[in-house]
């Protein structure tokens, strides 16, 4: 399957955005770890990190679900619009 110039450009843009997102995530990781060290009583860090990881995972899964569902709905709407324009 041949890739169009627009498709290649889109993929490059995605890769750059993912790279920047990863850099920001590392900064937030450090901030969150320091925040946990300051707020959480000694000896409970592991438990709080576990709870935080579980909550973050749930949040990300929900966000991915919403994005994918929204994308599917947008595709359906675009197909309906194209059908009405063809008629």
N, C-alpha and C. Protein backbone atom coordinates (compact mmCIF):
# COMPACT_ATOMS: atom_id res chain seq x y z
N UNK A 1 0.84 -1.18 0.00
CA UNK A 1 0.00 0.00 0.00
C UNK A 1 0.89 1.24 0.00
N UNK A 2 0.72 2.09 -0.96
CA UNK A 2 1.53 3.29 -1.08
C UNK A 2 1.01 4.36 -0.12
N UNK A 3 1.96 5.05 0.50
CA UNK A 3 1.59 6.12 1.41
C UNK A 3 1.61 7.44 0.66
N UNK A 4 0.58 8.22 0.84
CA UNK A 4 0.53 9.53 0.21
C UNK A 4 1.39 10.51 1.01
N UNK A 5 1.74 11.62 0.39
CA UNK A 5 2.53 12.64 1.09
C UNK A 5 1.79 13.16 2.31
N UNK A 6 0.47 13.29 2.19
CA UNK A 6 -0.33 13.78 3.31
C UNK A 6 -0.30 12.78 4.45
N UNK A 7 -0.37 11.49 4.14
CA UNK A 7 -0.34 10.45 5.16
C UNK A 7 1.02 10.41 5.85
N UNK A 8 2.09 10.55 5.08
CA UNK A 8 3.44 10.56 5.67
C UNK A 8 3.60 11.76 6.58
N UNK A 9 3.12 12.91 6.12
CA UNK A 9 3.20 14.13 6.93
C UNK A 9 2.43 13.96 8.24
N UNK A 10 1.24 13.37 8.15
CA UNK A 10 0.43 13.14 9.34
C UNK A 10 1.16 12.24 10.33
N UNK A 11 1.79 11.18 9.83
CA UNK A 11 2.52 10.26 10.71
C UNK A 11 3.73 10.93 11.36
N UNK A 12 4.42 11.78 10.62
CA UNK A 12 5.55 12.51 11.20
C UNK A 12 5.06 13.46 12.28
N UNK A 13 3.97 14.17 12.02
CA UNK A 13 3.40 15.06 13.03
C UNK A 13 3.01 14.28 14.28
N UNK A 14 2.41 13.11 14.09
CA UNK A 14 2.04 12.29 15.24
C UNK A 14 3.26 11.89 16.05
N UNK A 15 4.33 11.49 15.39
CA UNK A 15 5.54 11.07 16.09
C UNK A 15 6.13 12.23 16.89
N UNK A 16 6.13 13.42 16.33
CA UNK A 16 6.66 14.59 17.03
C UNK A 16 5.79 14.91 18.25
N UNK A 17 4.48 14.85 18.08
CA UNK A 17 3.58 15.11 19.20
C UNK A 17 3.77 14.07 20.29
N UNK A 18 3.90 12.80 19.92
CA UNK A 18 4.13 11.75 20.91
C UNK A 18 5.43 12.00 21.67
N UNK A 19 6.46 12.44 20.97
CA UNK A 19 7.73 12.73 21.62
C UNK A 19 7.61 13.84 22.64
N UNK A 20 6.94 14.94 22.27
CA UNK A 20 6.74 16.03 23.22
C UNK A 20 5.89 15.59 24.40
N UNK A 21 4.89 14.78 24.14
CA UNK A 21 4.04 14.27 25.21
C UNK A 21 4.84 13.43 26.19
N UNK A 22 5.75 12.63 25.69
CA UNK A 22 6.59 11.81 26.55
C UNK A 22 7.48 12.67 27.45
N UNK A 23 8.04 13.73 26.90
CA UNK A 23 8.88 14.64 27.69
C UNK A 23 8.06 15.27 28.81
N UNK A 24 6.87 15.74 28.50
CA UNK A 24 6.01 16.35 29.52
C UNK A 24 5.63 15.32 30.58
N UNK A 25 5.37 14.09 30.17
CA UNK A 25 5.02 13.02 31.12
C UNK A 25 6.15 12.77 32.11
N UNK A 26 7.39 12.81 31.65
CA UNK A 26 8.52 12.61 32.56
C UNK A 26 8.60 13.74 33.59
N UNK A 27 8.35 14.97 33.18
CA UNK A 27 8.36 16.08 34.13
C UNK A 27 7.26 15.91 35.17
N UNK A 28 6.06 15.53 34.71
CA UNK A 28 4.96 15.32 35.64
C UNK A 28 5.24 14.15 36.59
N UNK A 29 5.90 13.13 36.10
CA UNK A 29 6.25 11.99 36.94
C UNK A 29 7.09 12.45 38.13
N UNK A 30 8.09 13.29 37.87
CA UNK A 30 8.94 13.80 38.94
C UNK A 30 8.15 14.64 39.93
N UNK A 31 7.28 15.49 39.43
CA UNK A 31 6.47 16.34 40.30
C UNK A 31 5.56 15.49 41.18
N UNK A 32 4.92 14.50 40.60
CA UNK A 32 4.01 13.65 41.36
C UNK A 32 4.76 12.85 42.42
N UNK A 33 5.94 12.33 42.07
CA UNK A 33 6.73 11.58 43.05
C UNK A 33 7.13 12.47 44.23
N UNK A 34 7.57 13.70 43.96
CA UNK A 34 7.94 14.61 45.05
C UNK A 34 6.73 14.98 45.87
N UNK A 35 5.59 15.19 45.22
CA UNK A 35 4.36 15.51 45.93
C UNK A 35 3.98 14.38 46.88
N UNK A 36 4.08 13.15 46.42
CA UNK A 36 3.77 11.99 47.25
C UNK A 36 4.72 11.92 48.44
N UNK A 37 6.01 12.18 48.22
CA UNK A 37 6.99 12.13 49.31
C UNK A 37 6.69 13.17 50.38
N UNK A 38 6.19 14.34 49.98
CA UNK A 38 5.90 15.41 50.94
C UNK A 38 4.59 15.16 51.68
N UNK A 39 3.58 14.71 50.99
CA UNK A 39 2.23 14.58 51.56
C UNK A 39 2.02 13.28 52.33
N UNK A 40 2.54 12.18 51.83
CA UNK A 40 2.25 10.86 52.39
C UNK A 40 3.17 10.56 53.56
N UNK A 41 2.60 10.01 54.64
CA UNK A 41 3.43 9.63 55.79
C UNK A 41 4.45 8.56 55.40
N UNK A 42 5.61 8.57 56.05
CA UNK A 42 6.65 7.57 55.74
C UNK A 42 6.11 6.15 55.91
N UNK A 43 6.50 5.28 55.01
CA UNK A 43 6.08 3.89 55.08
C UNK A 43 4.86 3.57 54.24
N UNK A 44 4.14 4.59 53.80
CA UNK A 44 2.92 4.36 53.01
C UNK A 44 3.09 4.76 51.55
N UNK A 45 4.32 5.09 51.15
CA UNK A 45 4.56 5.55 49.78
C UNK A 45 4.16 4.51 48.74
N UNK A 46 4.53 3.26 48.98
CA UNK A 46 4.25 2.21 48.01
C UNK A 46 2.75 2.04 47.80
N UNK A 47 1.98 2.05 48.90
CA UNK A 47 0.53 1.91 48.80
C UNK A 47 -0.08 3.06 48.00
N UNK A 48 0.36 4.27 48.29
CA UNK A 48 -0.17 5.44 47.59
C UNK A 48 0.21 5.41 46.11
N UNK A 49 1.44 4.98 45.81
CA UNK A 49 1.86 4.86 44.42
C UNK A 49 1.02 3.81 43.69
N UNK A 50 0.70 2.72 44.37
CA UNK A 50 -0.14 1.68 43.78
C UNK A 50 -1.53 2.22 43.47
N UNK A 51 -2.13 2.90 44.43
CA UNK A 51 -3.47 3.48 44.23
C UNK A 51 -3.43 4.51 43.10
N UNK A 52 -2.39 5.34 43.09
CA UNK A 52 -2.25 6.35 42.03
C UNK A 52 -2.13 5.70 40.66
N UNK A 53 -1.35 4.63 40.57
CA UNK A 53 -1.18 3.93 39.29
C UNK A 53 -2.50 3.31 38.83
N UNK A 54 -3.25 2.73 39.75
CA UNK A 54 -4.54 2.14 39.40
C UNK A 54 -5.51 3.21 38.91
N UNK A 55 -5.58 4.33 39.63
CA UNK A 55 -6.48 5.41 39.23
C UNK A 55 -6.07 6.01 37.88
N UNK A 56 -4.78 6.18 37.68
CA UNK A 56 -4.29 6.72 36.41
C UNK A 56 -4.62 5.78 35.26
N UNK A 57 -4.47 4.48 35.49
CA UNK A 57 -4.78 3.49 34.46
C UNK A 57 -6.26 3.53 34.10
N UNK A 58 -7.11 3.59 35.11
CA UNK A 58 -8.56 3.67 34.86
C UNK A 58 -8.89 4.94 34.08
N UNK A 59 -8.31 6.06 34.48
CA UNK A 59 -8.55 7.32 33.79
C UNK A 59 -8.14 7.26 32.32
N UNK A 60 -6.96 6.71 32.06
CA UNK A 60 -6.47 6.61 30.69
C UNK A 60 -7.34 5.68 29.85
N UNK A 61 -7.75 4.56 30.42
CA UNK A 61 -8.62 3.63 29.68
C UNK A 61 -9.94 4.30 29.33
N UNK A 62 -10.52 5.03 30.27
CA UNK A 62 -11.78 5.74 30.00
C UNK A 62 -11.57 6.80 28.91
N UNK A 63 -10.47 7.53 28.99
CA UNK A 63 -10.19 8.56 27.98
C UNK A 63 -10.02 7.94 26.59
N UNK A 64 -9.30 6.82 26.51
CA UNK A 64 -9.12 6.14 25.22
C UNK A 64 -10.47 5.67 24.68
N UNK A 65 -11.31 5.12 25.55
CA UNK A 65 -12.63 4.66 25.14
C UNK A 65 -13.46 5.82 24.58
N UNK A 66 -13.44 6.95 25.28
CA UNK A 66 -14.21 8.12 24.84
C UNK A 66 -13.70 8.62 23.50
N UNK A 67 -12.39 8.69 23.35
CA UNK A 67 -11.81 9.17 22.09
C UNK A 67 -12.19 8.24 20.93
N UNK A 68 -12.04 6.94 21.13
CA UNK A 68 -12.37 5.99 20.06
C UNK A 68 -13.85 6.02 19.72
N UNK A 69 -14.69 6.12 20.74
CA UNK A 69 -16.13 6.17 20.51
C UNK A 69 -16.51 7.45 19.76
N UNK A 70 -15.92 8.56 20.16
CA UNK A 70 -16.19 9.82 19.49
C UNK A 70 -15.74 9.77 18.03
N UNK A 71 -14.59 9.14 17.80
CA UNK A 71 -14.09 9.02 16.43
C UNK A 71 -15.04 8.19 15.57
N UNK A 72 -15.55 7.10 16.13
CA UNK A 72 -16.50 6.26 15.39
C UNK A 72 -17.78 7.04 15.07
N UNK A 73 -18.26 7.81 16.06
CA UNK A 73 -19.47 8.60 15.83
C UNK A 73 -19.23 9.66 14.76
N UNK A 74 -18.05 10.28 14.78
CA UNK A 74 -17.73 11.28 13.77
C UNK A 74 -17.67 10.64 12.38
N UNK A 75 -17.10 9.44 12.29
CA UNK A 75 -17.05 8.74 11.01
C UNK A 75 -18.46 8.45 10.48
N UNK A 76 -19.35 8.01 11.38
CA UNK A 76 -20.74 7.75 10.97
C UNK A 76 -21.41 9.02 10.47
N UNK A 77 -21.19 10.12 11.19
CA UNK A 77 -21.80 11.38 10.78
C UNK A 77 -21.26 11.84 9.43
N UNK A 78 -19.97 11.68 9.20
CA UNK A 78 -19.39 12.06 7.91
C UNK A 78 -19.96 11.22 6.78
N UNK A 79 -20.15 9.92 7.03
CA UNK A 79 -20.75 9.06 6.01
C UNK A 79 -22.18 9.49 5.69
N UNK A 80 -22.94 9.85 6.73
CA UNK A 80 -24.30 10.31 6.51
C UNK A 80 -24.32 11.61 5.72
N UNK A 81 -23.41 12.51 6.03
CA UNK A 81 -23.33 13.78 5.31
C UNK A 81 -22.99 13.54 3.85
N UNK A 82 -22.04 12.65 3.59
CA UNK A 82 -21.67 12.34 2.21
C UNK A 82 -22.84 11.74 1.45
N UNK A 83 -23.62 10.86 2.12
CA UNK A 83 -24.78 10.25 1.47
C UNK A 83 -25.81 11.31 1.10
N UNK A 84 -26.06 12.24 2.02
CA UNK A 84 -27.06 13.28 1.73
C UNK A 84 -26.57 14.22 0.63
N UNK A 85 -25.29 14.45 0.55
CA UNK A 85 -24.75 15.32 -0.50
C UNK A 85 -24.81 14.65 -1.86
N UNK A 86 -24.68 13.33 -1.89
CA UNK A 86 -24.73 12.59 -3.15
C UNK A 86 -26.14 12.52 -3.72
N UNK A 87 -27.13 12.65 -2.87
CA UNK A 87 -28.52 12.51 -3.32
C UNK A 87 -29.02 13.74 -3.98
